[in-house]
Amino acid sequence: LRGQYVSGGRMSAFLSGCVALAVSAFYEL
């Protein structure tokens, strides 16, 4: 949001959740 990579709340929430899952999956690896 601060970098203005996305403007919508839904898209930022979706992508933020995806990043969190990617971090978790990488940790499991």
PDB file of all heavy atoms in Angstrom:
ATOM      1  N   LEU A   1       0.814  -1.213   0.000  1.00  0.00           N
ATOM      2  CA  LEU A   1       0.000   0.000   0.000  1.00  0.00           C
ATOM      3  C   LEU A   1       0.846   1.261   0.000  1.00  0.00           C
ATOM      4  O   LEU A   1       0.580   2.197  -0.758  1.00  0.00           O
ATOM      5  CB  LEU A   1      -0.957  -0.010   1.200  1.00  0.00           C
ATOM      6  CG  LEU A   1      -2.076  -1.046   1.130  1.00  0.00           C
ATOM      7  CD1 LEU A   1      -2.856  -1.088   2.431  1.00  0.00           C
ATOM      8  CD2 LEU A   1      -3.000  -0.759  -0.046  1.00  0.00           C
ATOM      9  N   ARG A   2       1.861   1.310   0.824  1.00  0.00           N
ATOM     10  CA  ARG A   2       2.681   2.526   0.894  1.00  0.00           C
ATOM     11  C   ARG A   2       3.528   2.719  -0.350  1.00  0.00           C
ATOM     12  O   ARG A   2       3.801   3.846  -0.741  1.00  0.00           O
ATOM     13  CB  ARG A   2       3.556   2.495   2.146  1.00  0.00           C
ATOM     14  CG  ARG A   2       2.663   2.625   3.377  1.00  0.00           C
ATOM     15  CD  ARG A   2       3.334   2.972   4.635  1.00  0.00           C
ATOM     16  NE  ARG A   2       4.244   4.076   4.558  1.00  0.00           N
ATOM     17  CZ  ARG A   2       5.369   4.140   5.254  1.00  0.00           C
ATOM     18  NH1 ARG A   2       5.709   3.162   6.067  1.00  0.00           N
ATOM     19  NH2 ARG A   2       6.158   5.180   5.167  1.00  0.00           N
ATOM     20  N   GLY A   3       3.947   1.623  -0.964  1.00  0.00           N
ATOM     21  CA  GLY A   3       4.698   1.720  -2.215  1.00  0.00           C
ATOM     22  C   GLY A   3       3.793   1.925  -3.418  1.00  0.00           C
ATOM     23  O   GLY A   3       4.268   2.036  -4.542  1.00  0.00           O
ATOM     24  N   GLN A   4       2.487   1.932  -3.176  1.00  0.00           N
ATOM     25  CA  GLN A   4       1.471   2.107  -4.211  1.00  0.00           C
ATOM     26  C   GLN A   4       1.581   1.061  -5.319  1.00  0.00           C
ATOM     27  O   GLN A   4       1.349   1.335  -6.486  1.00  0.00           O
ATOM     28  CB  GLN A   4       1.506   3.533  -4.775  1.00  0.00           C
ATOM     29  CG  GLN A   4       1.213   4.565  -3.716  1.00  0.00           C
ATOM     30  CD  GLN A   4       1.296   5.983  -4.224  1.00  0.00           C
ATOM     31  OE1 GLN A   4       1.864   6.258  -5.281  1.00  0.00           O
ATOM     32  NE2 GLN A   4       0.714   6.899  -3.469  1.00  0.00           N
ATOM     33  N   TYR A   5       1.932  -0.171  -4.915  1.00  0.00           N
ATOM     34  CA  TYR A   5       1.977  -1.284  -5.864  1.00  0.00           C
ATOM     35  C   TYR A   5       0.570  -1.791  -6.149  1.00  0.00           C
ATOM     36  O   TYR A   5       0.315  -2.337  -7.219  1.00  0.00           O
ATOM     37  CB  TYR A   5       2.844  -2.421  -5.320  1.00  0.00           C
ATOM     38  CG  TYR A   5       4.267  -1.988  -5.090  1.00  0.00           C
ATOM     39  CD1 TYR A   5       4.759  -1.825  -3.801  1.00  0.00           C
ATOM     40  CD2 TYR A   5       5.116  -1.720  -6.159  1.00  0.00           C
ATOM     41  CE1 TYR A   5       6.059  -1.411  -3.585  1.00  0.00           C
ATOM     42  CE2 TYR A   5       6.420  -1.305  -5.950  1.00  0.00           C
ATOM     43  CZ  TYR A   5       6.887  -1.147  -4.662  1.00  0.00           C
ATOM     44  OH  TYR A   5       8.168  -0.735  -4.452  1.00  0.00           O
ATOM     45  N   VAL A   6      -0.315  -1.631  -5.174  1.00  0.00           N
ATOM     46  CA  VAL A   6      -1.741  -1.924  -5.341  1.00  0.00           C
ATOM     47  C   VAL A   6      -2.516  -0.801  -4.668  1.00  0.00           C
ATOM     48  O   VAL A   6      -2.013  -0.133  -3.771  1.00  0.00           O
ATOM     49  CB  VAL A   6      -2.159  -3.286  -4.720  1.00  0.00           C
ATOM     50  CG1 VAL A   6      -1.486  -4.435  -5.422  1.00  0.00           C
ATOM     51  CG2 VAL A   6      -1.890  -3.325  -3.243  1.00  0.00           C
ATOM     52  N   SER A   7      -3.750  -0.608  -5.090  1.00  0.00           N
ATOM     53  CA  SER A   7      -4.541   0.457  -4.483  1.00  0.00           C
ATOM     54  C   SER A   7      -5.765  -0.073  -3.759  1.00  0.00           C
ATOM     55  O   SER A   7      -6.294   0.586  -2.887  1.00  0.00           O
ATOM     56  CB  SER A   7      -4.961   1.480  -5.541  1.00  0.00           C
ATOM     57  OG  SER A   7      -5.704   0.836  -6.556  1.00  0.00           O
ATOM     58  N   GLY A   8      -6.215  -1.241  -4.120  1.00  0.00           N
ATOM     59  CA  GLY A   8      -7.438  -1.762  -3.525  1.00  0.00           C
ATOM     60  C   GLY A   8      -7.196  -2.579  -2.274  1.00  0.00           C
ATOM     61  O   GLY A   8      -6.188  -3.290  -2.166  1.00  0.00           O
ATOM     62  N   GLY A   9      -8.117  -2.473  -1.346  1.00  0.00           N
ATOM     63  CA  GLY A   9      -8.017  -3.225  -0.099  1.00  0.00           C
ATOM     64  C   GLY A   9      -8.094  -4.730  -0.305  1.00  0.00           C
ATOM     65  O   GLY A   9      -7.383  -5.488   0.346  1.00  0.00           O
ATOM     66  N   ARG A  10      -8.955  -5.158  -1.208  1.00  0.00           N
ATOM     67  CA  ARG A  10      -9.096  -6.600  -1.442  1.00  0.00           C
ATOM     68  C   ARG A  10      -7.845  -7.193  -2.071  1.00  0.00           C
ATOM     69  O   ARG A  10      -7.396  -8.263  -1.684  1.00  0.00           O
ATOM     70  CB  ARG A  10     -10.310  -6.877  -2.327  1.00  0.00           C
ATOM     71  CG  ARG A  10     -11.606  -6.685  -1.607  1.00  0.00           C
ATOM     72  CD  ARG A  10     -12.770  -7.053  -2.475  1.00  0.00           C
ATOM     73  NE  ARG A  10     -14.009  -6.812  -1.754  1.00  0.00           N
ATOM     74  CZ  ARG A  10     -15.171  -6.689  -2.330  1.00  0.00           C
ATOM     75  NH1 ARG A  10     -15.285  -6.797  -3.641  1.00  0.00           N
ATOM     76  NH2 ARG A  10     -16.251  -6.473  -1.620  1.00  0.00           N
ATOM     77  N   MET A  11      -7.287  -6.492  -3.053  1.00  0.00           N
ATOM     78  CA  MET A  11      -6.090  -7.014  -3.707  1.00  0.00           C
ATOM     79  C   MET A  11      -4.901  -6.999  -2.752  1.00  0.00           C
ATOM     80  O   MET A  11      -4.103  -7.932  -2.741  1.00  0.00           O
ATOM     81  CB  MET A  11      -5.768  -6.212  -4.971  1.00  0.00           C
ATOM     82  CG  MET A  11      -4.592  -6.782  -5.754  1.00  0.00           C
ATOM     83  SD  MET A  11      -4.728  -8.538  -6.190  1.00  0.00           S
ATOM     84  CE  MET A  11      -5.914  -8.494  -7.495  1.00  0.00           C
ATOM     85  N   SER A  12      -4.794  -5.962  -1.937  1.00  0.00           N
ATOM     86  CA  SER A  12      -3.682  -5.929  -0.976  1.00  0.00           C
ATOM     87  C   SER A  12      -3.838  -7.046   0.051  1.00  0.00           C
ATOM     88  O   SER A  12      -2.847  -7.674   0.441  1.00  0.00           O
ATOM     89  CB  SER A  12      -3.577  -4.562  -0.291  1.00  0.00           C
ATOM     90  OG  SER A  12      -4.674  -4.336   0.562  1.00  0.00           O
ATOM     91  N   ALA A  13      -5.051  -7.328   0.473  1.00  0.00           N
ATOM     92  CA  ALA A  13      -5.281  -8.417   1.430  1.00  0.00           C
ATOM     93  C   ALA A  13      -4.946  -9.766   0.788  1.00  0.00           C
ATOM     94  O   ALA A  13      -4.271 -10.603   1.406  1.00  0.00           O
ATOM     95  CB  ALA A  13      -6.723  -8.404   1.920  1.00  0.00           C
ATOM     96  N   PHE A  14      -5.388  -9.968  -0.436  1.00  0.00           N
ATOM     97  CA  PHE A  14      -5.117 -11.222  -1.133  1.00  0.00           C
ATOM     98  C   PHE A  14      -3.615 -11.432  -1.305  1.00  0.00           C
ATOM     99  O   PHE A  14      -3.076 -12.492  -0.983  1.00  0.00           O
ATOM    100  CB  PHE A  14      -5.821 -11.235  -2.502  1.00  0.00           C
ATOM    101  CG  PHE A  14      -5.422 -12.399  -3.362  1.00  0.00           C
ATOM    102  CD1 PHE A  14      -5.883 -13.676  -3.078  1.00  0.00           C
ATOM    103  CD2 PHE A  14      -4.570 -12.226  -4.441  1.00  0.00           C
ATOM    104  CE1 PHE A  14      -5.503 -14.767  -3.865  1.00  0.00           C
ATOM    105  CE2 PHE A  14      -4.189 -13.298  -5.230  1.00  0.00           C
ATOM    106  CZ  PHE A  14      -4.658 -14.572  -4.942  1.00  0.00           C
ATOM    107  N   LEU A  15      -2.929 -10.416  -1.820  1.00  0.00           N
ATOM    108  CA  LEU A  15      -1.493 -10.544  -2.049  1.00  0.00           C
ATOM    109  C   LEU A  15      -0.717 -10.671  -0.742  1.00  0.00           C
ATOM    110  O   LEU A  15       0.279 -11.401  -0.671  1.00  0.00           O
ATOM    111  CB  LEU A  15      -0.976  -9.366  -2.879  1.00  0.00           C
ATOM    112  CG  LEU A  15      -1.456  -9.327  -4.329  1.00  0.00           C
ATOM    113  CD1 LEU A  15      -0.981  -8.054  -5.025  1.00  0.00           C
ATOM    114  CD2 LEU A  15      -1.001 -10.569  -5.086  1.00  0.00           C
ATOM    115  N   SER A  16      -1.158  -9.986   0.296  1.00  0.00           N
ATOM    116  CA  SER A  16      -0.503 -10.093   1.601  1.00  0.00           C
ATOM    117  C   SER A  16      -0.637 -11.501   2.165  1.00  0.00           C
ATOM    118  O   SER A  16       0.315 -12.051   2.722  1.00  0.00           O
ATOM    119  CB  SER A  16      -1.104  -9.079   2.587  1.00  0.00           C
ATOM    120  OG  SER A  16      -0.900  -7.773   2.116  1.00  0.00           O
ATOM    121  N   GLY A  17      -1.814 -12.085   2.007  1.00  0.00           N
ATOM    122  CA  GLY A  17      -2.005 -13.475   2.417  1.00  0.00           C
ATOM    123  C   GLY A  17      -1.136 -14.421   1.612  1.00  0.00           C
ATOM    124  O   GLY A  17      -0.558 -15.369   2.144  1.00  0.00           O
ATOM    125  N   CYS A  18      -1.007 -14.146   0.312  1.00  0.00           N
ATOM    126  CA  CYS A  18      -0.145 -14.978  -0.542  1.00  0.00           C
ATOM    127  C   CYS A  18       1.315 -14.881  -0.109  1.00  0.00           C
ATOM    128  O   CYS A  18       2.033 -15.893  -0.080  1.00  0.00           O
ATOM    129  CB  CYS A  18      -0.280 -14.551  -2.008  1.00  0.00           C
ATOM    130  SG  CYS A  18      -1.847 -15.013  -2.759  1.00  0.00           S
ATOM    131  N   VAL A  19       1.767 -13.685   0.228  1.00  0.00           N
ATOM    132  CA  VAL A  19       3.145 -13.511   0.692  1.00  0.00           C
ATOM    133  C   VAL A  19       3.361 -14.288   1.988  1.00  0.00           C
ATOM    134  O   VAL A  19       4.372 -14.982   2.150  1.00  0.00           O
ATOM    135  CB  VAL A  19       3.484 -12.012   0.878  1.00  0.00           C
ATOM    136  CG1 VAL A  19       4.779 -11.831   1.663  1.00  0.00           C
ATOM    137  CG2 VAL A  19       3.569 -11.320  -0.469  1.00  0.00           C
ATOM    138  N   ALA A  20       2.406 -14.205   2.903  1.00  0.00           N
ATOM    139  CA  ALA A  20       2.532 -14.932   4.173  1.00  0.00           C
ATOM    140  C   ALA A  20       2.613 -16.439   3.928  1.00  0.00           C
ATOM    141  O   ALA A  20       3.426 -17.137   4.551  1.00  0.00           O
ATOM    142  CB  ALA A  20       1.361 -14.591   5.093  1.00  0.00           C
ATOM    143  N   LEU A  21       1.790 -16.946   3.025  1.00  0.00           N
ATOM    144  CA  LEU A  21       1.845 -18.372   2.703  1.00  0.00           C
ATOM    145  C   LEU A  21       3.148 -18.745   2.008  1.00  0.00           C
ATOM    146  O   LEU A  21       3.692 -19.828   2.245  1.00  0.00           O
ATOM    147  CB  LEU A  21       0.653 -18.774   1.843  1.00  0.00           C
ATOM    148  CG  LEU A  21      -0.646 -18.955   2.612  1.00  0.00           C
ATOM    149  CD1 LEU A  21      -1.797 -19.246   1.649  1.00  0.00           C
ATOM    150  CD2 LEU A  21      -0.528 -20.066   3.630  1.00  0.00           C
ATOM    151  N   ALA A  22       3.662 -17.866   1.173  1.00  0.00           N
ATOM    152  CA  ALA A  22       4.941 -18.127   0.507  1.00  0.00           C
ATOM    153  C   ALA A  22       6.072 -18.184   1.530  1.00  0.00           C
ATOM    154  O   ALA A  22       6.949 -19.047   1.445  1.00  0.00           O
ATOM    155  CB  ALA A  22       5.222 -17.061  -0.547  1.00  0.00           C
ATOM    156  N   VAL A  23       6.046 -17.289   2.506  1.00  0.00           N
ATOM    157  CA  VAL A  23       7.051 -17.298   3.580  1.00  0.00           C
ATOM    158  C   VAL A  23       6.959 -18.616   4.341  1.00  0.00           C
ATOM    159  O   VAL A  23       7.967 -19.266   4.622  1.00  0.00           O
ATOM    160  CB  VAL A  23       6.866 -16.085   4.519  1.00  0.00           C
ATOM    161  CG1 VAL A  23       7.678 -16.237   5.793  1.00  0.00           C
ATOM    162  CG2 VAL A  23       7.234 -14.796   3.808  1.00  0.00           C
ATOM    163  N   SER A  24       5.746 -19.033   4.652  1.00  0.00           N
ATOM    164  CA  SER A  24       5.548 -20.282   5.394  1.00  0.00           C
ATOM    165  C   SER A  24       6.021 -21.491   4.587  1.00  0.00           C
ATOM    166  O   SER A  24       6.697 -22.376   5.124  1.00  0.00           O
ATOM    167  CB  SER A  24       4.071 -20.444   5.759  1.00  0.00           C
ATOM    168  OG  SER A  24       3.876 -21.642   6.467  1.00  0.00           O
ATOM    169  N   ALA A  25       5.674 -21.526   3.315  1.00  0.00           N
ATOM    170  CA  ALA A  25       6.097 -22.650   2.475  1.00  0.00           C
ATOM    171  C   ALA A  25       7.616 -22.694   2.347  1.00  0.00           C
ATOM    172  O   ALA A  25       8.223 -23.770   2.413  1.00  0.00           O
ATOM    173  CB  ALA A  25       5.451 -22.544   1.092  1.00  0.00           C
ATOM    174  N   PHE A  26       8.243 -21.530   2.198  1.00  0.00           N
ATOM    175  CA  PHE A  26       9.701 -21.496   2.109  1.00  0.00           C
ATOM    176  C   PHE A  26      10.325 -21.995   3.408  1.00  0.00           C
ATOM    177  O   PHE A  26      11.296 -22.755   3.387  1.00  0.00           O
ATOM    178  CB  PHE A  26      10.204 -20.084   1.779  1.00  0.00           C
ATOM    179  CG  PHE A  26      11.699 -20.015   1.665  1.00  0.00           C
ATOM    180  CD1 PHE A  26      12.339 -20.568   0.564  1.00  0.00           C
ATOM    181  CD2 PHE A  26      12.456 -19.425   2.655  1.00  0.00           C
ATOM    182  CE1 PHE A  26      13.725 -20.527   0.457  1.00  0.00           C
ATOM    183  CE2 PHE A  26      13.838 -19.385   2.565  1.00  0.00           C
ATOM    184  CZ  PHE A  26      14.478 -19.931   1.456  1.00  0.00           C
ATOM    185  N   TYR A  27       9.756 -21.597   4.541  1.00  0.00           N
ATOM    186  CA  TYR A  27      10.268 -22.067   5.828  1.00  0.00           C
ATOM    187  C   TYR A  27      10.151 -23.594   5.929  1.00  0.00           C
ATOM    188  O   TYR A  27      11.052 -24.262   6.433  1.00  0.00           O
ATOM    189  CB  TYR A  27       9.522 -21.400   6.984  1.00  0.00           C
ATOM    190  CG  TYR A  27      10.047 -21.838   8.323  1.00  0.00           C
ATOM    191  CD1 TYR A  27      11.203 -21.283   8.850  1.00  0.00           C
ATOM    192  CD2 TYR A  27       9.401 -22.830   9.052  1.00  0.00           C
ATOM    193  CE1 TYR A  27      11.706 -21.697  10.075  1.00  0.00           C
ATOM    194  CE2 TYR A  27       9.896 -23.256  10.272  1.00  0.00           C
ATOM    195  CZ  TYR A  27      11.051 -22.680  10.769  1.00  0.00           C
ATOM    196  OH  TYR A  27      11.540 -23.104  11.977  1.00  0.00           O
ATOM    197  N   GLU A  28       9.047 -24.139   5.461  1.00  0.00           N
ATOM    198  CA  GLU A  28       8.879 -25.597   5.492  1.00  0.00           C
ATOM    199  C   GLU A  28       9.917 -26.292   4.612  1.00  0.00           C
ATOM    200  O   GLU A  28      10.405 -27.365   4.949  1.00  0.00           O
ATOM    201  CB  GLU A  28       7.454 -25.994   5.073  1.00  0.00           C
ATOM    202  CG  GLU A  28       6.377 -25.559   6.040  1.00  0.00           C
ATOM    203  CD  GLU A  28       6.509 -26.150   7.441  1.00  0.00           C
ATOM    204  OE1 GLU A  28       7.152 -27.203   7.615  1.00  0.00           O
ATOM    205  OE2 GLU A  28       5.952 -25.543   8.376  1.00  0.00           O
ATOM    206  N   LEU A  29      10.264 -25.677   3.489  1.00  0.00           N
ATOM    207  CA  LEU A  29      11.321 -26.232   2.644  1.00  0.00           C
ATOM    208  C   LEU A  29      12.672 -26.190   3.368  1.00  0.00           C
ATOM    209  O   LEU A  29      13.445 -27.146   3.298  1.00  0.00           O
ATOM    210  CB  LEU A  29      11.405 -25.472   1.316  1.00  0.00           C
ATOM    211  CG  LEU A  29      10.262 -25.722   0.336  1.00  0.00           C
ATOM    212  CD1 LEU A  29      10.348 -24.770  -0.848  1.00  0.00           C
ATOM    213  CD2 LEU A  29      10.245 -27.167  -0.127  1.00  0.00           C
TER     214      LEU A  29
END
